[in-house]
């Protein structure tokens, strides 16, 4: 689909279709990150994802690999919503 912001990644799944460490978000009708985008736009998602990435990369857990995977998933979501905001005409330079 030409207008889909998640193109060029045929070997990967759409970032909203996956979740690291469970399925509690992806099974919801409206995922929290999508609700954040609808309410607060790109700026809200950007702030939320940066906070989550910092959290996953700085907490002290025995399974650091899972936290790295979670941070990487947040980066995929960040890129998806950045592209989507450009396509929606709602992005801003900040």
N, C-alpha and C. Protein backbone atom coordinates (compact mmCIF):
# COMPACT_ATOMS: atom_id res chain seq x y z
N UNK A 1 0.85 -1.17 0.00
CA UNK A 1 0.00 0.00 0.00
C UNK A 1 0.90 1.23 0.00
N UNK A 2 0.70 2.10 -0.96
CA UNK A 2 1.56 3.26 -1.15
C UNK A 2 1.49 4.25 0.01
N UNK A 3 0.32 4.45 0.58
CA UNK A 3 0.16 5.45 1.63
C UNK A 3 0.43 4.92 3.03
N UNK A 4 0.88 3.70 3.15
CA UNK A 4 1.17 3.13 4.46
C UNK A 4 2.55 3.58 4.90
N UNK A 5 2.67 4.18 6.10
CA UNK A 5 3.98 4.66 6.55
C UNK A 5 4.97 3.56 6.89
N UNK A 6 4.54 2.31 6.92
CA UNK A 6 5.45 1.22 7.26
C UNK A 6 5.75 0.40 6.00
N UNK A 7 6.25 1.06 4.97
CA UNK A 7 6.60 0.37 3.73
C UNK A 7 8.10 0.21 3.65
N UNK A 8 8.53 -0.71 2.83
CA UNK A 8 9.95 -0.95 2.66
C UNK A 8 10.52 -1.90 3.70
N UNK A 9 9.67 -2.50 4.50
CA UNK A 9 10.13 -3.40 5.55
C UNK A 9 9.40 -4.73 5.44
N UNK A 10 9.37 -5.31 4.24
CA UNK A 10 8.59 -6.52 4.02
C UNK A 10 9.05 -7.67 4.90
N UNK A 11 10.30 -7.68 5.31
CA UNK A 11 10.79 -8.77 6.15
C UNK A 11 10.41 -8.58 7.62
N UNK A 12 9.87 -7.43 7.96
CA UNK A 12 9.49 -7.14 9.34
C UNK A 12 7.98 -7.04 9.45
N UNK A 13 7.49 -7.25 10.64
CA UNK A 13 6.06 -7.05 10.86
C UNK A 13 5.81 -5.58 11.16
N UNK A 14 4.58 -5.17 10.99
CA UNK A 14 4.17 -3.82 11.34
C UNK A 14 4.42 -3.64 12.84
N UNK A 15 4.93 -2.50 13.29
CA UNK A 15 5.28 -2.34 14.70
C UNK A 15 4.09 -2.48 15.66
N UNK A 16 2.87 -2.22 15.19
CA UNK A 16 1.71 -2.38 16.06
C UNK A 16 1.25 -3.84 16.15
N UNK A 17 1.79 -4.70 15.29
CA UNK A 17 1.42 -6.12 15.32
C UNK A 17 2.27 -6.94 16.28
N UNK A 18 3.34 -6.35 16.77
CA UNK A 18 4.23 -7.09 17.66
C UNK A 18 4.30 -6.47 19.04
N UNK A 19 4.79 -7.27 19.97
CA UNK A 19 5.02 -6.78 21.32
C UNK A 19 6.06 -7.67 21.97
N UNK A 20 6.98 -7.09 22.69
CA UNK A 20 8.02 -7.83 23.38
C UNK A 20 7.55 -8.11 24.80
N UNK A 21 7.61 -9.35 25.22
CA UNK A 21 7.29 -9.70 26.59
C UNK A 21 5.81 -9.81 26.90
N UNK A 22 5.02 -10.26 25.96
CA UNK A 22 3.60 -10.45 26.23
C UNK A 22 2.74 -10.05 25.05
N UNK A 23 1.42 -9.98 25.31
CA UNK A 23 0.48 -9.61 24.26
C UNK A 23 -0.61 -8.69 24.80
N UNK A 24 -0.42 -8.17 25.99
CA UNK A 24 -1.47 -7.41 26.66
C UNK A 24 -1.83 -6.11 25.96
N UNK A 25 -0.93 -5.51 25.20
CA UNK A 25 -1.27 -4.28 24.46
C UNK A 25 -1.83 -4.59 23.09
N UNK A 26 -1.18 -5.50 22.37
CA UNK A 26 -1.59 -5.74 20.99
C UNK A 26 -2.95 -6.41 20.89
N UNK A 27 -3.44 -7.00 21.98
CA UNK A 27 -4.76 -7.63 21.97
C UNK A 27 -5.88 -6.62 22.24
N UNK A 28 -5.53 -5.40 22.62
CA UNK A 28 -6.54 -4.38 22.88
C UNK A 28 -7.09 -3.82 21.57
N UNK A 29 -8.32 -3.38 21.60
CA UNK A 29 -8.93 -2.79 20.41
C UNK A 29 -8.18 -1.54 19.98
N UNK A 30 -7.79 -0.71 20.94
CA UNK A 30 -7.01 0.50 20.68
C UNK A 30 -5.79 0.46 21.58
N UNK A 31 -4.62 0.32 20.96
CA UNK A 31 -3.40 0.25 21.75
C UNK A 31 -3.08 1.61 22.37
N UNK A 32 -2.44 1.62 23.54
CA UNK A 32 -2.14 2.88 24.21
C UNK A 32 -1.35 3.86 23.34
N UNK A 33 -0.40 3.39 22.55
CA UNK A 33 0.38 4.31 21.71
C UNK A 33 -0.49 4.94 20.63
N UNK A 34 -1.46 4.19 20.11
CA UNK A 34 -2.38 4.75 19.12
C UNK A 34 -3.30 5.78 19.77
N UNK A 35 -3.76 5.49 20.98
CA UNK A 35 -4.59 6.45 21.71
C UNK A 35 -3.80 7.73 21.98
N UNK A 36 -2.52 7.58 22.32
CA UNK A 36 -1.64 8.74 22.55
C UNK A 36 -1.53 9.57 21.27
N UNK A 37 -1.35 8.92 20.12
CA UNK A 37 -1.24 9.64 18.85
C UNK A 37 -2.54 10.37 18.53
N UNK A 38 -3.66 9.71 18.76
CA UNK A 38 -4.94 10.34 18.45
C UNK A 38 -5.21 11.54 19.36
N UNK A 39 -4.79 11.46 20.61
CA UNK A 39 -5.05 12.56 21.55
C UNK A 39 -4.02 13.68 21.48
N UNK A 40 -2.74 13.30 21.35
CA UNK A 40 -1.66 14.27 21.49
C UNK A 40 -0.78 14.44 20.26
N UNK A 41 -1.02 13.63 19.23
CA UNK A 41 -0.24 13.75 18.00
C UNK A 41 1.19 13.27 18.13
N UNK A 42 1.98 13.68 17.16
CA UNK A 42 3.38 13.26 17.07
C UNK A 42 4.17 13.67 18.32
N UNK A 43 3.94 14.86 18.82
CA UNK A 43 4.70 15.33 19.99
C UNK A 43 4.45 14.43 21.19
N UNK A 44 3.21 13.99 21.38
CA UNK A 44 2.89 13.11 22.50
C UNK A 44 3.55 11.75 22.37
N UNK A 45 3.49 11.18 21.16
CA UNK A 45 4.12 9.88 20.93
C UNK A 45 5.63 9.98 21.09
N UNK A 46 6.19 11.05 20.56
CA UNK A 46 7.65 11.24 20.65
C UNK A 46 8.09 11.30 22.12
N UNK A 47 7.39 12.07 22.92
CA UNK A 47 7.75 12.18 24.34
C UNK A 47 7.56 10.84 25.05
N UNK A 48 6.47 10.17 24.77
CA UNK A 48 6.18 8.88 25.40
C UNK A 48 7.23 7.84 25.04
N UNK A 49 7.57 7.74 23.78
CA UNK A 49 8.55 6.74 23.34
C UNK A 49 9.95 7.04 23.88
N UNK A 50 10.33 8.31 23.92
CA UNK A 50 11.64 8.65 24.48
C UNK A 50 11.72 8.25 25.95
N UNK A 51 10.65 8.49 26.67
CA UNK A 51 10.61 8.12 28.09
C UNK A 51 10.72 6.60 28.25
N UNK A 52 9.99 5.85 27.45
CA UNK A 52 10.03 4.39 27.52
C UNK A 52 11.41 3.85 27.14
N UNK A 53 12.01 4.41 26.10
CA UNK A 53 13.34 3.97 25.67
C UNK A 53 14.34 4.21 26.79
N UNK A 54 14.31 5.39 27.39
CA UNK A 54 15.21 5.68 28.51
C UNK A 54 14.99 4.70 29.65
N UNK A 55 13.73 4.41 29.96
CA UNK A 55 13.41 3.48 31.05
C UNK A 55 13.99 2.10 30.76
N UNK A 56 13.76 1.58 29.56
CA UNK A 56 14.23 0.24 29.24
C UNK A 56 15.74 0.13 29.21
N UNK A 57 16.42 1.20 28.81
CA UNK A 57 17.88 1.13 28.69
C UNK A 57 18.61 1.44 29.99
N UNK A 58 17.91 1.96 30.98
CA UNK A 58 18.61 2.33 32.23
C UNK A 58 18.20 1.50 33.43
N UNK A 59 17.12 0.72 33.35
CA UNK A 59 16.75 -0.05 34.54
C UNK A 59 17.66 -1.26 34.70
N UNK A 60 17.76 -1.71 35.91
CA UNK A 60 18.67 -2.80 36.25
C UNK A 60 17.87 -4.08 36.43
N UNK A 61 17.82 -4.88 35.39
CA UNK A 61 17.12 -6.16 35.43
C UNK A 61 18.09 -7.25 35.02
N UNK A 62 17.74 -8.46 35.37
CA UNK A 62 18.60 -9.58 34.99
C UNK A 62 18.51 -9.89 33.50
N UNK A 63 17.36 -9.60 32.87
CA UNK A 63 17.19 -9.87 31.45
C UNK A 63 17.33 -8.58 30.65
N UNK A 64 18.57 -8.11 30.51
CA UNK A 64 18.81 -6.88 29.76
C UNK A 64 18.47 -7.04 28.29
N UNK A 65 18.59 -8.26 27.78
CA UNK A 65 18.28 -8.50 26.37
C UNK A 65 16.82 -8.17 26.05
N UNK A 66 15.91 -8.54 26.93
CA UNK A 66 14.50 -8.23 26.70
C UNK A 66 14.28 -6.72 26.75
N UNK A 67 14.95 -6.03 27.67
CA UNK A 67 14.80 -4.57 27.74
C UNK A 67 15.35 -3.90 26.48
N UNK A 68 16.43 -4.41 25.94
CA UNK A 68 16.96 -3.87 24.68
C UNK A 68 15.96 -4.11 23.55
N UNK A 69 15.36 -5.30 23.52
CA UNK A 69 14.34 -5.59 22.51
C UNK A 69 13.15 -4.65 22.65
N UNK A 70 12.74 -4.38 23.89
CA UNK A 70 11.62 -3.45 24.12
C UNK A 70 11.98 -2.04 23.65
N UNK A 71 13.20 -1.61 23.92
CA UNK A 71 13.64 -0.29 23.47
C UNK A 71 13.66 -0.22 21.95
N UNK A 72 14.10 -1.29 21.31
CA UNK A 72 14.14 -1.32 19.84
C UNK A 72 12.71 -1.29 19.28
N UNK A 73 11.79 -1.98 19.92
CA UNK A 73 10.40 -1.94 19.47
C UNK A 73 9.85 -0.52 19.59
N UNK A 74 10.19 0.17 20.66
CA UNK A 74 9.78 1.57 20.83
C UNK A 74 10.35 2.43 19.71
N UNK A 75 11.57 2.16 19.29
CA UNK A 75 12.17 2.91 18.18
C UNK A 75 11.41 2.65 16.89
N UNK A 76 10.96 1.40 16.67
CA UNK A 76 10.16 1.10 15.48
C UNK A 76 8.84 1.86 15.52
N UNK A 77 8.21 1.90 16.69
CA UNK A 77 6.97 2.66 16.84
C UNK A 77 7.20 4.14 16.61
N UNK A 78 8.31 4.65 17.13
CA UNK A 78 8.66 6.06 16.96
C UNK A 78 8.79 6.40 15.48
N UNK A 79 9.49 5.55 14.74
CA UNK A 79 9.67 5.79 13.30
C UNK A 79 8.34 5.70 12.56
N UNK A 80 7.52 4.72 12.93
CA UNK A 80 6.21 4.57 12.28
C UNK A 80 5.37 5.83 12.49
N UNK A 81 5.27 6.32 13.73
CA UNK A 81 4.41 7.48 13.98
C UNK A 81 5.02 8.77 13.43
N UNK A 82 6.33 8.85 13.34
CA UNK A 82 6.97 10.00 12.69
C UNK A 82 6.56 10.04 11.22
N UNK A 83 6.68 8.90 10.52
CA UNK A 83 6.28 8.84 9.11
C UNK A 83 4.79 9.12 8.96
N UNK A 84 4.00 8.56 9.85
CA UNK A 84 2.56 8.77 9.78
C UNK A 84 2.19 10.24 9.97
N UNK A 85 2.88 10.90 10.89
CA UNK A 85 2.59 12.32 11.12
C UNK A 85 2.94 13.17 9.90
N UNK A 86 3.98 12.79 9.18
CA UNK A 86 4.34 13.50 7.96
C UNK A 86 3.24 13.29 6.92
N UNK A 87 2.78 12.05 6.79
CA UNK A 87 1.72 11.75 5.82
C UNK A 87 0.41 12.43 6.21
N UNK A 88 0.14 12.54 7.51
CA UNK A 88 -1.08 13.19 7.99
C UNK A 88 -0.98 14.72 7.92
N UNK A 89 0.24 15.21 7.71
CA UNK A 89 0.45 16.66 7.69
C UNK A 89 0.41 17.28 9.08
N UNK A 90 0.68 16.45 10.10
CA UNK A 90 0.61 16.95 11.47
C UNK A 90 1.97 17.04 12.14
N UNK A 91 3.03 16.71 11.42
CA UNK A 91 4.36 16.75 12.03
C UNK A 91 4.81 18.21 12.15
N UNK A 92 5.70 18.41 13.08
CA UNK A 92 6.29 19.75 13.24
C UNK A 92 7.75 19.58 13.60
N UNK A 93 8.52 20.57 13.31
CA UNK A 93 9.93 20.53 13.66
C UNK A 93 10.03 20.94 15.11
N UNK A 94 10.51 20.03 15.94
CA UNK A 94 10.69 20.33 17.36
C UNK A 94 11.86 19.59 17.93
